[in-house]
């Protein structure tokens, strides 16, 4: 199964209600936070800026929303301060009047109906490729293909790096994943503060009643004590946000809640958000079939400003051109296409270009890179393993490589991470960068060498300017 989200019918929080998503006016200014090096101070600065923008917007909107609540036009509303949105429930029988009133609220921008989102299955392979034996280690073929073991031998295993898994959840008890949970404790009394968000049951204890998120986590960092490796960064840690149910469904509002939570995770009660607990990078093995929607774009801009690297599946709508879906289509994303064990671009892998362009990506070039995504074996709930296909399986492989880069060079910016990956990728498909494979298949050792060069060039002392020698009058020129 791959995880392409289809945006479907309207949905509501409960029967008899209509749910709207209101985008409040005001945009964060990240110019000052972006001057800070990646790390806790930068994340705090971005959090404070987002809170300030939302507080200003709610100064105008808050009293009017309360007035509509007192009038019975609104049943409830809740504010998502970091995405500067408000989720509004209104009674069905008053929907028309409420809609008009909401759109007249000062400080209110675009208002849309909440919609269902659901996973669209692609392929479950019956048989994966053979394991690769490396000494006393057994590596899944995709792990061996990216060359990560060369970095492991240098002590670069993702240690100290936290990866956020935004998905269907993660099976905490899986033997290849439990010890990598950020809240793990040897005595089994794990800490769930700041480590898991659940948009459905509000559970603080990680679980996965689908399987997709567990498989993704296994591809990022899965390994067992007996030397079996499904993941690229076996010593990295994970936290999770469950944005889709066991049936693979949810809504735009559940997605917004989960992606916002990663900017400032909360304690087990859902309170006390702390941006210093935000992950170093994120894996988003989900995406819409519409590359044009900017429903999540403000959060992506905040990720970039905070120095949180979003690695995103390109989608599974290929081989049609311009089929990359959002948020993989966003300039801020490192969008990943899928390849098979013969290093060919998978037929299902979404192609570029992206319809969303800016000064950093004026041509809409996507995907950025590719990685193995066809017949990939990793963890599933219950302690087992399955072989699945999709760009959902390719994206976490790249996320694992990013964790390795950040272990050695924690001050890499998002754009420096992208540069290290793209300038070192192994060319496949059409010669040079193309809209099928991006810059090619990620090569972990080459990406690390590229990162080394980037940091060396950035930190190299500049030579002192030399004064030109004076020429005496009458001297020969």
Protein backbone atom coordinates (compact mmCIF):
# COMPACT_ATOMS: atom_id res chain seq x y z
CA UNK A 1 0.00 0.00 0.00
CA UNK A 2 1.14 3.51 -0.74
CA UNK A 3 -0.26 6.59 0.85
CA UNK A 4 -1.70 8.97 -1.68
CA UNK A 5 -4.49 10.91 -0.05
CA UNK A 6 -7.63 11.56 -2.03
CA UNK A 7 -9.53 14.66 -0.97
CA UNK A 8 -13.18 13.69 -1.10
CA UNK A 9 -16.57 14.72 0.20
CA UNK A 10 -17.37 17.26 2.84
CA UNK A 11 -17.09 16.02 6.40
CA UNK A 12 -18.07 17.28 9.84
CA UNK A 13 -17.01 16.80 13.44
CA UNK A 14 -20.36 15.23 14.36
CA UNK A 15 -23.81 14.52 12.86
CA UNK A 16 -25.98 17.61 12.60
CA UNK A 17 -22.98 19.92 12.22
CA UNK A 18 -21.01 21.47 9.41
CA UNK A 19 -17.31 22.02 9.94
CA UNK A 20 -15.42 24.90 8.39
CA UNK A 21 -11.74 25.78 8.35
CA UNK A 22 -11.15 29.51 8.61
CA UNK A 23 -7.75 30.85 7.58
CA UNK A 24 -7.09 33.97 9.61
CA UNK A 25 -5.42 37.00 8.11
CA UNK A 26 -1.81 37.81 8.86
CA UNK A 27 1.45 36.22 7.80
CA UNK A 28 4.48 35.49 9.92
CA UNK A 29 7.73 37.34 9.31
CA UNK A 30 10.53 34.80 9.58
CA UNK A 31 13.35 37.12 8.53
CA UNK A 32 14.84 37.35 12.02
CA UNK A 33 14.44 33.70 13.10
CA UNK A 34 16.00 32.59 9.82
CA UNK A 35 19.22 34.37 10.76
CA UNK A 36 19.72 32.02 13.70
CA UNK A 37 21.57 28.72 13.26
CA UNK A 38 19.39 25.58 13.30
CA UNK A 39 18.60 24.54 16.85
CA UNK A 40 16.34 25.25 19.84
CA UNK A 41 16.64 29.06 19.77
CA UNK A 42 15.54 29.18 16.16
CA UNK A 43 12.57 26.91 16.82
CA UNK A 44 11.54 29.08 19.78
CA UNK A 45 11.80 32.24 17.67
CA UNK A 46 9.56 30.78 14.97
CA UNK A 47 7.06 29.57 17.58
CA UNK A 48 6.92 33.01 19.17
CA UNK A 49 6.40 34.70 15.80
CA UNK A 50 3.56 32.32 14.88
CA UNK A 51 1.92 32.85 18.27
CA UNK A 52 2.17 36.62 17.91
CA UNK A 53 0.59 36.63 14.45
CA UNK A 54 -2.28 34.44 15.65
CA UNK A 55 -2.80 36.52 18.80
CA UNK A 56 -3.10 39.64 16.68
CA UNK A 57 -5.58 37.95 14.36
CA UNK A 58 -7.66 36.68 17.27
CA UNK A 59 -7.79 40.16 18.79
CA UNK A 60 -10.04 41.01 15.88
CA UNK A 61 -11.76 37.68 15.34
CA UNK A 62 -12.11 36.25 18.85
CA UNK A 63 -14.85 38.46 20.25
CA UNK A 64 -16.90 38.17 17.06
CA UNK A 65 -16.63 34.37 17.07
CA UNK A 66 -17.75 34.35 20.70
CA UNK A 67 -20.67 36.57 19.76
CA UNK A 68 -21.71 34.12 17.03
CA UNK A 69 -21.42 31.30 19.56
CA UNK A 70 -23.71 33.16 21.99
CA UNK A 71 -26.19 33.70 19.15
CA UNK A 72 -26.27 29.98 18.42
CA UNK A 73 -24.79 30.34 14.94
CA UNK A 74 -21.62 28.55 16.02
CA UNK A 75 -21.67 25.35 18.08
CA UNK A 76 -17.95 25.46 18.87
CA UNK A 77 -14.64 26.69 17.54
CA UNK A 78 -11.01 25.83 18.26
CA UNK A 79 -7.95 27.79 17.29
CA UNK A 80 -4.84 26.27 15.70
CA UNK A 81 -2.39 29.07 16.50
CA UNK A 82 0.64 27.76 14.62
CA UNK A 83 -1.21 27.36 11.33
CA UNK A 84 -3.27 30.52 12.07
CA UNK A 85 -6.51 28.68 11.42
CA UNK A 86 -9.74 28.16 13.32
CA UNK A 87 -11.94 25.06 13.07
CA UNK A 88 -15.60 26.09 13.33
CA UNK A 89 -18.63 23.82 13.84
CA UNK A 90 -22.06 25.21 12.98
CA UNK A 91 -25.56 23.67 13.20
CA UNK A 92 -26.79 22.27 9.89
CA UNK A 93 -30.07 24.13 10.10
CA UNK A 94 -28.26 27.47 10.44
CA UNK A 95 -25.46 26.76 7.97
CA UNK A 96 -26.35 29.46 5.44
CA UNK A 97 -26.68 32.25 7.99
CA UNK A 98 -23.59 31.06 9.85
CA UNK A 99 -21.53 30.92 6.66
CA UNK A 100 -22.37 34.53 5.83
CA UNK A 101 -21.64 35.65 9.38
CA UNK A 102 -18.29 33.84 9.59
CA UNK A 103 -17.13 35.46 6.38
CA UNK A 104 -17.91 38.87 7.88
CA UNK A 105 -15.75 38.29 10.98
CA UNK A 106 -12.92 40.89 11.10
CA UNK A 107 -9.55 39.30 10.46
CA UNK A 108 -11.07 36.25 8.78
CA UNK A 109 -9.56 35.24 5.46
CA UNK A 110 -10.56 32.31 3.29
CA UNK A 111 -13.15 29.92 4.76
CA UNK A 112 -13.53 26.40 3.38
CA UNK A 113 -15.56 23.31 4.27
CA UNK A 114 -13.65 20.51 5.94
CA UNK A 115 -13.23 17.53 3.63
CA UNK A 116 -12.57 13.84 4.02
CA UNK A 117 -9.15 12.52 3.14
CA UNK A 118 -8.47 8.85 2.52
CA UNK A 119 -5.63 6.58 1.47
CA UNK A 120 -5.65 5.11 -1.98
CA UNK A 121 -4.00 1.65 -2.07
CA UNK A 122 -1.39 1.04 -4.74
CA UNK A 123 0.48 -2.22 -4.40
CA UNK A 124 1.44 -4.89 -1.90
CA UNK A 125 4.24 -6.99 -3.30
CA UNK A 126 4.15 -10.72 -2.77
CA UNK A 127 7.90 -11.08 -2.65
CA UNK A 128 10.70 -8.64 -2.00
CA UNK A 129 14.28 -8.66 -3.22
CA UNK A 130 16.93 -10.76 -1.48
CA UNK A 131 18.65 -9.66 1.71
CA UNK A 132 22.21 -8.40 1.43
CA UNK A 133 24.70 -9.94 3.87
CA UNK A 134 27.37 -7.50 5.09
CA UNK A 135 29.55 -9.23 7.69
CA UNK A 136 27.25 -10.09 10.58
CA UNK A 137 24.57 -7.69 9.35
CA UNK A 138 21.56 -8.55 7.18
CA UNK A 139 20.47 -5.51 5.18
CA UNK A 140 17.31 -5.10 3.17
CA UNK A 141 18.19 -4.35 -0.44
CA UNK A 142 17.13 -0.71 -0.27
CA UNK A 143 19.41 -0.13 2.74
CA UNK A 144 22.37 -1.62 0.89
CA UNK A 145 21.53 0.29 -2.30
CA UNK A 146 21.95 3.71 -0.69
CA UNK A 147 25.35 2.80 0.78
CA UNK A 148 24.56 3.84 4.34
CA UNK A 149 26.72 1.11 5.91
CA UNK A 150 29.83 2.98 4.79
CA UNK A 151 28.74 5.83 7.06
CA UNK A 152 27.80 3.46 9.90
CA UNK A 153 31.41 2.24 9.91
CA UNK A 154 32.44 5.83 10.61
CA UNK A 155 30.10 5.99 13.62
CA UNK A 156 27.45 7.96 11.72
CA UNK A 157 24.20 6.15 12.53
CA UNK A 158 21.75 8.97 13.20
CA UNK A 159 22.52 9.10 16.92
CA UNK A 160 21.11 12.21 18.58
CA UNK A 161 18.74 13.03 15.70
CA UNK A 162 14.94 12.99 16.14
CA UNK A 163 12.68 12.16 13.19
CA UNK A 164 8.99 13.05 13.23
CA UNK A 165 6.76 10.41 11.59
CA UNK A 166 3.50 12.02 10.39
CA UNK A 167 1.32 9.12 9.34
CA UNK A 168 -1.13 6.50 10.64
CA UNK A 169 0.82 6.10 13.88
CA UNK A 170 3.67 3.78 14.86
CA UNK A 171 3.56 0.41 16.64
CA UNK A 172 5.51 1.20 19.80
CA UNK A 173 6.08 -2.46 20.69
CA UNK A 174 7.64 -3.52 17.40
CA UNK A 175 11.08 -5.02 18.16
CA UNK A 176 12.78 -3.00 15.43
CA UNK A 177 11.33 0.30 16.69
CA UNK A 178 10.60 0.34 20.42
CA UNK A 179 14.10 1.19 21.64
CA UNK A 180 14.29 4.09 19.16
CA UNK A 181 11.21 5.84 20.57
CA UNK A 182 12.31 9.14 22.12
CA UNK A 183 10.36 8.33 25.26
CA UNK A 184 11.85 4.83 25.61
CA UNK A 185 12.88 3.56 29.02
CA UNK A 186 14.61 0.23 29.68
CA UNK A 187 12.16 -0.54 32.49
CA UNK A 188 9.22 -0.26 30.10
CA UNK A 189 7.89 2.90 31.76
CA UNK A 190 8.13 5.00 28.64
CA UNK A 191 7.56 8.76 28.74
CA UNK A 192 4.86 9.93 26.36
CA UNK A 193 5.15 13.66 27.02
CA UNK A 194 6.02 15.47 23.78
CA UNK A 195 6.38 12.24 21.82
CA UNK A 196 3.02 11.30 20.25
CA UNK A 197 -0.07 13.07 18.91
CA UNK A 198 -3.32 11.31 18.06
CA UNK A 199 -6.01 13.22 16.18
CA UNK A 200 -8.57 10.46 16.74
CA UNK A 201 -8.48 8.80 20.17
CA UNK A 202 -6.30 11.46 21.80
CA UNK A 203 -4.01 8.67 22.98
CA UNK A 204 -0.61 9.71 24.28
CA UNK A 205 0.70 6.15 23.80
CA UNK A 206 1.87 5.43 20.23
CA UNK A 207 -0.09 2.88 18.22
CA UNK A 208 -0.80 2.10 14.57
CA UNK A 209 -4.10 0.47 13.64
CA UNK A 210 -3.32 0.66 9.92
CA UNK A 211 0.33 -0.46 9.32
CA UNK A 212 1.52 2.27 6.97
CA UNK A 213 3.20 4.47 9.57
CA UNK A 214 4.98 1.54 11.20
CA UNK A 215 6.39 0.48 7.82
CA UNK A 216 7.57 4.04 7.19
CA UNK A 217 9.27 4.27 10.59
CA UNK A 218 10.98 0.95 9.91
CA UNK A 219 12.45 2.30 6.68
CA UNK A 220 13.82 5.37 8.45
CA UNK A 221 15.50 3.65 11.41
CA UNK A 222 14.38 0.04 11.91
CA UNK A 223 16.87 -2.55 13.17
CA UNK A 224 17.01 -5.47 15.61
CA UNK A 225 19.60 -6.68 18.10
CA UNK A 226 20.40 -9.73 15.96
CA UNK A 227 21.68 -7.56 13.09
CA UNK A 228 18.65 -7.19 10.79
CA UNK A 229 18.38 -3.70 9.25
CA UNK A 230 15.40 -2.22 7.42
CA UNK A 231 16.31 1.40 8.20
CA UNK A 232 18.97 3.86 7.13
CA UNK A 233 19.62 5.55 10.49
CA UNK A 234 19.43 2.80 13.13
CA UNK A 235 20.40 4.99 16.09
CA UNK A 236 18.05 7.89 15.33
CA UNK A 237 14.96 8.41 17.48
CA UNK A 238 11.32 8.87 16.44
CA UNK A 239 8.24 10.70 17.61
CA UNK A 240 4.88 10.44 15.87
CA UNK A 241 1.72 12.26 14.84
CA UNK A 242 -1.28 10.16 13.85
CA UNK A 243 -3.23 12.13 11.25
CA UNK A 244 -5.13 9.22 9.65
CA UNK A 245 -7.27 6.50 11.17
CA UNK A 246 -6.97 2.74 11.01
CA UNK A 247 -9.22 2.81 7.95
CA UNK A 248 -6.80 5.22 6.35
CA UNK A 249 -9.17 8.16 6.56
CA UNK A 250 -9.34 11.52 8.23
CA UNK A 251 -9.99 15.12 7.30
CA UNK A 252 -8.15 18.25 6.34
CA UNK A 253 -8.57 19.41 9.94
CA UNK A 254 -6.90 16.28 11.40
CA UNK A 255 -3.99 16.71 9.01
CA UNK A 256 -3.61 20.37 10.00
CA UNK A 257 -3.62 19.46 13.69
CA UNK A 258 -0.90 16.85 13.28
CA UNK A 259 1.46 18.83 11.09
CA UNK A 260 1.13 21.85 13.39
CA UNK A 261 1.85 19.71 16.48
CA UNK A 262 5.29 18.86 15.10
CA UNK A 263 6.30 22.54 15.38
CA UNK A 264 5.77 22.48 19.15
CA UNK A 265 4.89 19.05 20.60
CA UNK A 266 2.72 18.99 23.71
CA UNK A 267 2.77 16.94 26.88
CA UNK A 268 0.64 13.80 27.29
CA UNK A 269 -2.38 15.92 28.27
CA UNK A 270 -2.17 17.98 25.08
CA UNK A 271 -0.95 21.08 26.91
CA UNK A 272 2.27 23.07 27.34
CA UNK A 273 3.58 23.15 23.75
CA UNK A 274 7.37 23.20 23.61
CA UNK A 275 9.15 24.06 20.35
CA UNK A 276 12.46 22.80 21.74
CA UNK A 277 10.92 19.31 21.61
CA UNK A 278 10.28 19.62 17.86
CA UNK A 279 12.09 17.04 15.69
CA UNK A 280 15.12 17.75 13.52
CA UNK A 281 13.37 16.48 10.41
CA UNK A 282 10.03 15.09 9.33
CA UNK A 283 8.92 12.27 7.09
CA UNK A 284 5.62 12.84 5.29
CA UNK A 285 4.76 9.68 3.38
CA UNK A 286 1.40 11.10 2.42
CA UNK A 287 0.19 13.65 -0.04
CA UNK A 288 -2.85 14.83 -1.93
CA UNK A 289 -3.55 14.11 -5.57
CA UNK A 290 -3.66 17.87 -6.15
CA UNK A 291 -0.28 19.58 -6.49
CA UNK A 292 -1.91 23.01 -6.50
CA UNK A 293 -3.50 23.06 -3.06
CA UNK A 294 -1.72 25.32 -0.61
CA UNK A 295 -3.81 24.23 2.39
CA UNK A 296 -0.65 23.28 4.31
CA UNK A 297 1.81 25.76 2.82
CA UNK A 298 2.04 28.12 5.79
CA UNK A 299 3.09 25.25 8.03
CA UNK A 300 5.73 24.23 5.48
CA UNK A 301 7.13 27.75 5.49
CA UNK A 302 7.28 27.55 9.27
CA UNK A 303 9.15 24.22 9.06
CA UNK A 304 11.75 25.81 6.85
CA UNK A 305 12.06 28.86 9.08
CA UNK A 306 12.45 26.64 12.16
CA UNK A 307 15.17 24.54 10.50
CA UNK A 308 13.00 21.39 10.43
CA UNK A 309 13.63 19.47 7.19
CA UNK A 310 10.41 18.12 5.58
CA UNK A 311 11.05 15.02 3.45
CA UNK A 312 7.91 14.23 1.43
CA UNK A 313 6.70 11.46 -0.87
CA UNK A 314 6.18 12.78 -4.41
CA UNK A 315 2.98 10.75 -4.85
CA UNK A 316 1.76 7.74 -6.78
CA UNK A 317 -0.04 9.28 -9.74
CA UNK A 318 2.65 8.58 -12.35
CA UNK A 319 3.67 8.23 -15.04
CA UNK A 320 1.52 11.23 -15.92
CA UNK A 321 3.50 14.45 -16.21
CA UNK A 322 2.93 17.16 -13.60
CA UNK A 323 1.37 14.61 -11.23
CA UNK A 324 3.41 15.44 -8.10
CA UNK A 325 0.99 16.11 -5.25
CA UNK A 326 1.01 18.60 -2.40
CA UNK A 327 2.82 18.97 -0.07
CA UNK A 328 5.55 17.32 -2.17
CA UNK A 329 4.93 20.04 -4.75
CA UNK A 330 5.91 22.78 -2.29
CA UNK A 331 9.30 24.45 -2.84
CA UNK A 332 10.10 23.88 0.85
CA UNK A 333 9.74 20.09 0.53
CA UNK A 334 12.43 17.60 -0.39
CA UNK A 335 10.19 15.57 -2.69
CA UNK A 336 11.16 11.94 -3.30
CA UNK A 337 10.31 9.70 -6.25
CA UNK A 338 10.47 5.89 -6.23
CA UNK A 339 12.78 3.46 -8.03
CA UNK A 340 12.88 -0.34 -8.28
CA UNK A 341 15.70 -2.81 -7.65
CA UNK A 342 16.96 -2.25 -11.22
CA UNK A 343 17.30 1.50 -10.55
CA UNK A 344 14.43 2.35 -12.86
CA UNK A 345 11.83 4.94 -11.98
CA UNK A 346 8.70 3.13 -10.81
CA UNK A 347 5.77 3.56 -13.15
CA UNK A 348 3.53 4.77 -10.31
CA UNK A 349 5.99 7.45 -9.11
CA UNK A 350 4.58 10.95 -9.63
CA UNK A 351 6.37 13.17 -12.09
CA UNK A 352 7.11 16.89 -12.18
CA UNK A 353 6.96 19.72 -12.70
CA UNK A 354 5.20 21.28 -9.75
CA UNK A 355 2.54 23.91 -10.40
CA UNK A 356 3.79 25.85 -7.35
CA UNK A 357 6.84 27.97 -8.04
CA UNK A 358 8.80 30.69 -6.29
CA UNK A 359 12.16 32.42 -6.53
CA UNK A 360 13.94 29.33 -5.16
CA UNK A 361 12.26 26.98 -7.64
CA UNK A 362 11.09 29.11 -10.57
CA UNK A 363 10.73 26.15 -12.91
CA UNK A 364 8.79 24.00 -10.45
CA UNK A 365 11.46 21.27 -10.56
CA UNK A 366 10.22 18.15 -8.76
CA UNK A 367 10.88 15.55 -7.56
CA UNK A 368 14.18 16.54 -5.98
CA UNK A 369 15.66 13.04 -5.72
CA UNK A 370 14.63 9.39 -5.83
CA UNK A 371 15.16 6.29 -3.67
CA UNK A 372 14.06 2.65 -3.65
CA UNK A 373 10.28 2.46 -3.31
CA UNK A 374 9.28 -0.74 -5.10
CA UNK A 375 9.10 -3.98 -3.10
CA UNK A 376 10.49 -2.56 0.14
CA UNK A 377 10.33 -4.67 3.29
CA UNK A 378 9.94 -3.11 6.74
CA UNK A 379 8.03 -3.38 10.00
CA UNK A 380 4.26 -3.73 10.38
CA UNK A 381 2.21 -3.83 13.60
CA UNK A 382 2.38 -7.03 15.61
CA UNK A 383 6.11 -7.60 15.28
CA UNK A 384 6.18 -8.75 11.65
CA UNK A 385 7.40 -7.41 8.32
CA UNK A 386 5.76 -6.85 4.94
CA UNK A 387 6.86 -5.83 1.47
CA UNK A 388 5.10 -2.75 0.11
CA UNK A 389 5.55 -0.37 -2.80
CA UNK A 390 5.07 3.35 -3.25
CA UNK A 391 6.81 6.69 -2.92
CA UNK A 392 5.73 6.29 0.71
CA UNK A 393 8.52 3.72 0.96
CA UNK A 394 11.07 5.91 -0.86
CA UNK A 395 10.63 9.06 1.21
CA UNK A 396 11.62 7.50 4.58
CA UNK A 397 14.81 6.11 3.03
CA UNK A 398 15.84 9.67 2.19
CA UNK A 399 14.71 10.87 5.62
CA UNK A 400 17.07 8.31 7.15
CA UNK A 401 19.95 9.63 5.05
CA UNK A 402 19.12 13.19 6.13
CA UNK A 403 19.35 12.02 9.76
CA UNK A 404 22.88 10.79 9.03
CA UNK A 405 23.84 14.14 7.49
CA UNK A 406 22.46 16.04 10.47
CA UNK A 407 24.29 13.89 12.99
CA UNK A 408 27.63 14.98 11.57
CA UNK A 409 26.55 18.48 10.56
CA UNK A 410 23.66 19.58 12.81
CA UNK A 411 23.92 23.17 11.59
CA UNK A 412 23.03 22.37 7.97
CA UNK A 413 20.17 24.52 6.74
CA UNK A 414 17.26 23.00 4.85
CA UNK A 415 18.62 24.29 1.56
CA UNK A 416 22.09 22.95 2.35
CA UNK A 417 20.57 19.52 3.02
CA UNK A 418 18.80 19.71 -0.34
CA UNK A 419 22.03 20.74 -2.06
CA UNK A 420 24.00 17.89 -0.47
CA UNK A 421 21.43 15.36 -1.66
CA UNK A 422 20.85 16.70 -5.16
CA UNK A 423 24.44 17.50 -6.17
CA UNK A 424 25.63 14.03 -5.16
CA UNK A 425 22.74 11.88 -6.40
CA UNK A 426 23.49 9.08 -8.86
CA UNK A 427 22.06 9.95 -12.25
CA UNK A 428 19.47 7.59 -13.75
CA UNK A 429 16.73 7.89 -16.36
CA UNK A 430 17.38 10.79 -18.77
CA UNK A 431 20.92 12.22 -18.56
CA UNK A 432 21.12 14.97 -15.99
CA UNK A 433 18.31 16.25 -13.77
CA UNK A 434 14.87 15.29 -15.04
CA UNK A 435 11.23 15.41 -13.99
CA UNK A 436 11.00 11.65 -13.48
CA UNK A 437 13.80 10.87 -11.02
CA UNK A 438 14.82 14.40 -10.06
CA UNK A 439 18.58 14.55 -9.69
CA UNK A 440 18.78 10.77 -9.39
CA UNK A 441 19.06 8.15 -6.66
CA UNK A 442 20.38 9.32 -3.30
CA UNK A 443 23.91 8.14 -2.56
CA UNK A 444 24.54 8.41 1.19
CA UNK A 445 28.38 8.48 1.22
CA UNK A 446 28.47 10.94 -1.68
CA UNK A 447 25.85 13.11 0.04
CA UNK A 448 28.01 13.21 3.17
CA UNK A 449 31.05 14.29 1.15
CA UNK A 450 28.93 17.00 -0.44
CA UNK A 451 27.79 18.14 3.01
CA UNK A 452 31.41 18.18 4.17
CA UNK A 453 32.29 20.48 1.26
CA UNK A 454 29.32 22.76 1.92
CA UNK A 455 30.32 23.20 5.56
CA UNK A 456 34.01 23.66 4.69
CA UNK A 457 33.19 26.35 2.13
CA UNK A 458 30.88 28.06 4.58
CA UNK A 459 33.40 28.11 7.42
CA UNK A 460 36.63 28.64 5.47
CA UNK A 461 38.35 31.91 6.46
CA UNK A 462 38.32 34.51 3.77
CA UNK A 463 41.75 35.76 2.67
CA UNK A 464 42.69 39.24 3.82
CA UNK A 465 42.43 41.80 1.04
CA UNK A 466 45.86 42.73 -0.35
CA UNK A 467 46.67 46.36 -1.02
CA UNK A 468 47.95 46.86 -4.60
CA UNK A 469 51.59 47.87 -4.77
CA UNK A 470 52.18 51.51 -5.51
CA UNK A 471 53.77 52.24 -8.90
CA UNK A 472 56.50 54.87 -8.81
CA UNK A 473 56.10 57.81 -11.09
CA UNK A 474 57.95 57.30 -14.32
CA UNK A 475 58.23 53.55 -13.86
CA UNK A 476 57.57 51.37 -16.87
CA UNK A 477 53.96 50.19 -16.98
